[in-house]
Amino acid sequence: MVTKTITIIYLTDNCLDEFIGDLCREYLLAAANGRRIISVSQKPIDFGDNVCIGEIGRSGLSIDTQILEGLKETKTPFVGIAEHDCLYTSEHFDFMPTGDCFFYNDNTWLVQYRNPLHPEYDGMFSYLKRRRVQSQLICRTEALIEATERKIAILSDPAFRKKFPTVSRIGEPGTNHLIRSKRIIRGDPDIMHLWADLKDYIIRYNAKDWSSKVPNIDIRHGGNWTGQRRGKQRTWELPFWGSFQTILENNNGYQRSIYRGVPALTA
């Protein structure tokens, strides 16, 4: 039976190549398995229950602003964050958090879709251990509302925005390093007044890792907010998924290729 206790918040800044965007939305619909999807976008889209907040650009603050808008529409006790360039399975959204802890799925592999500097890795999967990222977060809705409001209060400070106009320098709940964050804040007199709030944000929230049996996939397409990344553990095929080329080819029967303009491989 599909649980209705989790709502999926789908985030997009509408900058993603629609070739990848369509692929990820189709897989997310299947993974949702009837669960409600709230899409929060910067341009109107026909996907789930859409909340369009306007073109506010790409920044740490804009991402959290979109999350908070989605949370305002969430009626379930738990929420899962889905990003526009990730592939999910229904197993991921079957996970049930406990308490107010923030849970991150550690079984997430990167796959390189396209990188002109290293085309030899196109289609290769790689793994980075304990990579706690927003796209793999599942938690209690009220806990994320509180944490996101606290984070936005810091990011919205004029002095902080002046120093960090695009990057947030503040990670997801439970992922921040106290000493490293202290160096960032305490080393600058213009933003030192934010240290007490940031310290409380870091200490207050706890995170835990969990691992699904089937991995999720984070597609590295050249326009990722966090840039191109590759882990040291590498493979050309993943259990359940197979090769990335197979994923593209099996998507609703369409023949797709990881190389734009090049016919897909055939058996």
Protein backbone atom coordinates (compact mmCIF):
# COMPACT_ATOMS: atom_id res chain seq x y z
CA MET A 1 0.00 0.00 0.00
CA VAL A 2 1.32 3.44 -0.92
CA THR A 3 1.78 5.63 2.12
CA LYS A 4 0.23 9.08 1.92
CA THR A 5 2.32 10.40 4.80
CA ILE A 6 5.08 11.79 2.54
CA THR A 7 4.78 14.65 0.07
CA ILE A 8 7.47 15.14 -2.58
CA ILE A 9 8.69 18.69 -3.20
CA TYR A 10 10.19 18.93 -6.69
CA LEU A 11 12.58 21.84 -7.22
CA THR A 12 13.63 23.42 -10.52
CA ASP A 13 15.06 26.75 -11.56
CA ASN A 14 13.90 26.04 -15.14
CA CYS A 15 17.49 26.23 -16.42
CA LEU A 16 17.91 22.49 -16.98
CA ASP A 17 18.15 21.06 -20.48
CA GLU A 18 14.65 19.69 -21.11
CA PHE A 19 16.14 16.52 -22.53
CA ILE A 20 17.28 15.65 -19.00
CA GLY A 21 14.35 17.40 -17.31
CA ASP A 22 11.77 15.27 -19.13
CA LEU A 23 13.68 12.10 -18.28
CA CYS A 24 13.84 12.90 -14.56
CA ARG A 25 10.20 13.98 -14.30
CA GLU A 26 9.01 10.78 -15.95
CA TYR A 27 11.03 8.67 -13.54
CA LEU A 28 9.87 10.75 -10.56
CA LEU A 29 6.23 10.25 -11.49
CA ALA A 30 6.81 6.50 -11.45
CA ALA A 31 8.76 6.66 -8.17
CA ALA A 32 6.05 8.78 -6.51
CA ASN A 33 3.62 5.90 -7.01
CA GLY A 34 0.60 8.08 -6.30
CA ARG A 35 2.17 10.33 -3.70
CA ARG A 36 1.52 14.04 -4.05
CA ILE A 37 4.17 16.06 -5.89
CA ILE A 38 4.43 19.79 -5.31
CA SER A 39 6.60 21.36 -7.99
CA VAL A 40 8.19 24.69 -7.10
CA SER A 41 9.52 26.47 -10.17
CA GLN A 42 10.62 29.88 -11.39
CA LYS A 43 8.49 29.57 -14.52
CA PRO A 44 5.10 27.82 -14.74
CA ILE A 45 5.33 24.10 -15.44
CA ASP A 46 2.73 21.39 -15.87
CA PHE A 47 3.99 18.94 -13.28
CA GLY A 48 2.32 17.97 -10.03
CA ASP A 49 0.75 20.82 -8.10
CA ASN A 50 2.78 23.74 -9.39
CA VAL A 51 3.86 26.72 -7.30
CA CYS A 52 5.58 29.31 -9.50
CA ILE A 53 7.48 31.92 -7.48
CA GLY A 54 8.89 33.93 -10.39
CA GLU A 55 12.40 34.26 -11.77
CA ILE A 56 14.44 34.87 -8.62
CA GLY A 57 17.68 33.48 -10.06
CA ARG A 58 20.07 30.79 -8.87
CA SER A 59 21.53 31.21 -5.41
CA GLY A 60 21.60 29.53 -2.05
CA LEU A 61 18.82 31.84 -0.92
CA SER A 62 16.63 31.12 -3.95
CA ILE A 63 16.85 27.36 -3.38
CA ASP A 64 15.75 27.65 0.24
CA THR A 65 13.04 30.13 -0.71
CA GLN A 66 11.61 27.59 -3.15
CA ILE A 67 11.76 24.85 -0.53
CA LEU A 68 9.87 26.99 1.99
CA GLU A 69 7.16 27.80 -0.55
CA GLY A 70 6.69 24.09 -1.19
CA LEU A 71 6.59 23.35 2.53
CA LYS A 72 3.78 25.90 2.98
CA GLU A 73 1.63 23.75 0.69
CA THR A 74 2.60 20.44 2.30
CA LYS A 75 -0.10 18.79 4.41
CA THR A 76 1.64 15.51 5.27
CA PRO A 77 3.83 14.91 8.36
CA PHE A 78 6.86 13.97 6.24
CA VAL A 79 8.45 15.43 3.14
CA GLY A 80 11.03 14.34 0.58
CA ILE A 81 13.05 16.78 -1.54
CA ALA A 82 13.46 15.92 -5.22
CA GLU A 83 15.66 17.91 -7.58
CA HIS A 84 15.13 18.28 -11.29
CA ASP A 85 18.27 16.40 -12.33
CA CYS A 86 18.01 13.25 -10.18
CA LEU A 87 16.53 9.81 -10.79
CA TYR A 88 14.63 8.20 -7.91
CA THR A 89 13.01 4.87 -7.14
CA SER A 90 9.82 4.38 -5.13
CA GLU A 91 11.91 2.65 -2.46
CA HIS A 92 13.50 5.99 -1.64
CA PHE A 93 10.13 7.55 -0.81
CA ASP A 94 9.03 4.48 1.17
CA PHE A 95 11.54 5.42 3.86
CA MET A 96 9.98 6.56 7.15
CA PRO A 97 11.99 9.08 9.23
CA THR A 98 11.95 8.97 13.01
CA GLY A 99 11.88 11.97 15.29
CA ASP A 100 13.06 15.37 14.06
CA CYS A 101 16.32 14.07 12.61
CA PHE A 102 17.21 14.85 8.99
CA PHE A 103 17.83 11.69 6.96
CA TYR A 104 19.97 11.58 3.81
CA ASN A 105 20.06 8.61 1.44
CA ASP A 106 23.72 7.64 1.16
CA ASN A 107 23.17 5.23 -1.73
CA THR A 108 23.31 7.89 -4.41
CA TRP A 109 25.58 7.64 -7.42
CA LEU A 110 26.72 10.39 -9.75
CA VAL A 111 26.58 9.83 -13.49
CA GLN A 112 28.29 12.04 -16.03
CA TYR A 113 25.92 12.98 -18.82
CA ARG A 114 28.19 15.36 -20.66
CA ASN A 115 31.52 17.03 -19.94
CA PRO A 116 33.41 18.50 -22.94
CA LEU A 117 36.64 18.52 -20.90
CA HIS A 118 36.44 14.79 -20.10
CA PRO A 119 34.14 13.11 -22.66
CA GLU A 120 35.80 9.79 -21.91
CA TYR A 121 33.71 9.67 -18.70
CA ASP A 122 30.34 10.33 -20.34
CA GLY A 123 27.96 7.64 -19.10
CA MET A 124 30.17 6.64 -16.15
CA PHE A 125 28.73 6.24 -12.64
CA SER A 126 30.78 7.20 -9.59
CA TYR A 127 30.24 7.27 -5.83
CA LEU A 128 31.15 9.75 -3.10
CA LYS A 129 30.71 8.36 0.42
CA ARG A 130 28.56 10.25 2.97
CA ARG A 131 27.60 12.95 0.54
CA ARG A 132 24.68 14.48 2.44
CA VAL A 133 22.83 16.56 -0.12
CA GLN A 134 19.45 18.21 -0.32
CA SER A 135 18.21 16.05 -3.19
CA GLN A 136 18.37 12.98 -0.93
CA LEU A 137 16.69 14.49 2.13
CA ILE A 138 13.63 12.98 3.82
CA CYS A 139 12.42 14.34 7.15
CA ARG A 140 9.55 15.61 9.25
CA THR A 141 7.81 18.53 7.57
CA GLU A 142 7.67 20.78 10.62
CA ALA A 143 11.37 20.23 11.34
CA LEU A 144 12.32 21.31 7.82
CA ILE A 145 10.07 24.36 7.99
CA GLU A 146 11.80 25.50 11.17
CA ALA A 147 15.31 24.81 9.86
CA THR A 148 14.62 26.47 6.49
CA GLU A 149 13.18 29.59 8.12
CA ARG A 150 16.26 29.88 10.34
CA LYS A 151 18.58 29.41 7.38
CA ILE A 152 16.75 31.98 5.25
CA ALA A 153 16.96 34.51 8.08
CA ILE A 154 20.76 34.25 7.95
CA LEU A 155 21.04 34.18 4.16
CA SER A 156 18.75 37.22 3.85
CA ASP A 157 20.91 39.41 6.06
CA PRO A 158 22.19 42.30 3.85
CA ALA A 159 25.78 41.89 5.01
CA PHE A 160 25.72 38.15 4.36
CA ARG A 161 24.18 38.63 0.91
CA LYS A 162 26.86 41.20 0.07
CA LYS A 163 29.64 38.79 1.01
CA PHE A 164 28.01 35.69 -0.52
CA PRO A 165 25.66 36.94 -3.30
CA THR A 166 25.18 33.51 -4.91
CA VAL A 167 26.64 30.69 -2.79
CA SER A 168 25.06 30.17 0.62
CA ARG A 169 28.09 28.78 2.50
CA ILE A 170 25.51 27.20 4.83
CA GLY A 171 24.68 23.56 4.23
CA GLU A 172 21.55 21.51 4.69
CA PRO A 173 20.30 20.85 8.24
CA GLY A 174 22.69 18.61 10.17
CA THR A 175 25.49 18.81 7.59
CA ASN A 176 27.46 21.85 8.77
CA HIS A 177 30.90 21.75 10.37
CA LEU A 178 31.00 23.99 13.44
CA ILE A 179 34.71 24.90 13.33
CA ARG A 180 34.73 25.53 9.57
CA SER A 181 31.61 27.68 9.80
CA LYS A 182 33.08 29.61 12.70
CA ARG A 183 36.08 30.53 10.58
CA ILE A 184 33.84 31.85 7.83
CA ILE A 185 31.75 34.02 10.13
CA ARG A 186 34.14 35.03 12.89
CA GLY A 187 36.82 36.00 10.38
CA ASP A 188 34.70 38.82 8.96
CA PRO A 189 33.55 41.67 11.24
CA ASP A 190 30.74 42.58 8.81
CA ILE A 191 28.91 39.28 9.37
CA MET A 192 30.16 38.34 12.84
CA HIS A 193 26.81 39.41 14.31
CA LEU A 194 25.29 36.31 12.65
CA TRP A 195 27.48 33.83 14.50
CA ALA A 196 25.06 33.16 17.37
CA ASP A 197 22.22 32.34 14.95
CA LEU A 198 24.41 30.20 12.74
CA LYS A 199 25.84 28.32 15.71
CA ASP A 200 22.33 27.57 16.94
CA TYR A 201 21.35 26.35 13.45
CA ILE A 202 24.35 24.03 13.35
CA ILE A 203 23.98 22.61 16.86
CA ARG A 204 20.20 22.30 16.93
CA TYR A 205 19.76 19.90 14.00
CA ASN A 206 21.05 16.35 13.64
CA ALA A 207 21.47 14.28 10.51
CA LYS A 208 21.69 10.55 9.85
CA ASP A 209 22.57 8.49 6.80
CA TRP A 210 20.47 5.65 5.49
CA SER A 211 20.83 3.56 2.35
CA SER A 212 18.20 2.30 -0.02
CA LYS A 213 18.80 -1.09 -1.60
CA VAL A 214 18.52 0.41 -5.08
CA PRO A 215 20.61 3.55 -5.65
CA ASN A 216 19.33 6.94 -6.70
CA ILE A 217 21.18 8.71 -9.50
CA ASP A 218 22.41 12.31 -9.58
CA ILE A 219 23.01 13.38 -13.18
CA ARG A 220 26.01 15.65 -13.76
CA HIS A 221 25.12 17.54 -16.91
CA GLY A 222 27.40 20.56 -16.87
CA GLY A 223 24.88 22.98 -15.42
CA ASN A 224 24.69 21.57 -11.89
CA TRP A 225 24.69 24.08 -9.05
CA THR A 226 27.56 22.16 -7.42
CA GLY A 227 29.51 21.73 -10.66
CA GLN A 228 31.03 18.60 -12.18
CA ARG A 229 32.02 15.89 -9.71
CA ARG A 230 33.30 12.33 -9.87
CA GLY A 231 33.92 9.87 -7.08
CA LYS A 232 36.80 7.41 -6.91
CA GLN A 233 34.52 4.37 -6.90
CA ARG A 234 33.49 4.01 -10.53
CA THR A 235 31.48 1.71 -12.78
CA TRP A 236 29.70 1.74 -16.11
CA GLU A 237 26.71 -0.25 -14.83
CA LEU A 238 24.64 -0.12 -11.64
CA PRO A 239 22.48 -2.90 -10.18
CA PHE A 240 18.83 -2.48 -11.22
CA TRP A 241 19.60 0.43 -13.55
CA GLY A 242 22.17 -1.11 -15.89
CA SER A 243 24.13 1.34 -18.05
CA PHE A 244 23.18 4.98 -18.35
CA GLN A 245 22.59 4.40 -22.05
CA THR A 246 20.06 1.72 -21.11
CA ILE A 247 18.27 4.17 -18.81
CA LEU A 248 17.99 6.65 -21.64
CA GLU A 249 16.81 4.06 -24.14
CA ASN A 250 14.20 2.50 -21.86
CA ASN A 251 12.53 5.79 -20.98
CA ASN A 252 9.02 5.26 -22.37
CA GLY A 253 10.52 3.47 -25.34
CA TYR A 254 12.32 6.51 -26.71
CA GLN A 255 15.75 6.04 -28.21
CA ARG A 256 17.98 8.57 -26.49
CA SER A 257 21.71 9.09 -26.41
CA ILE A 258 24.08 10.58 -23.87
CA TYR A 259 25.57 12.41 -26.83
CA ARG A 260 23.16 15.03 -28.21
CA GLY A 261 22.59 14.69 -31.93
CA VAL A 262 24.08 11.21 -32.06
CA PRO A 263 21.76 8.23 -32.65
CA ALA A 264 21.32 5.99 -29.62
CA LEU A 265 23.18 2.70 -29.50
CA THR A 266 21.14 -0.29 -30.58
CA ALA A 267 21.52 -3.96 -29.73
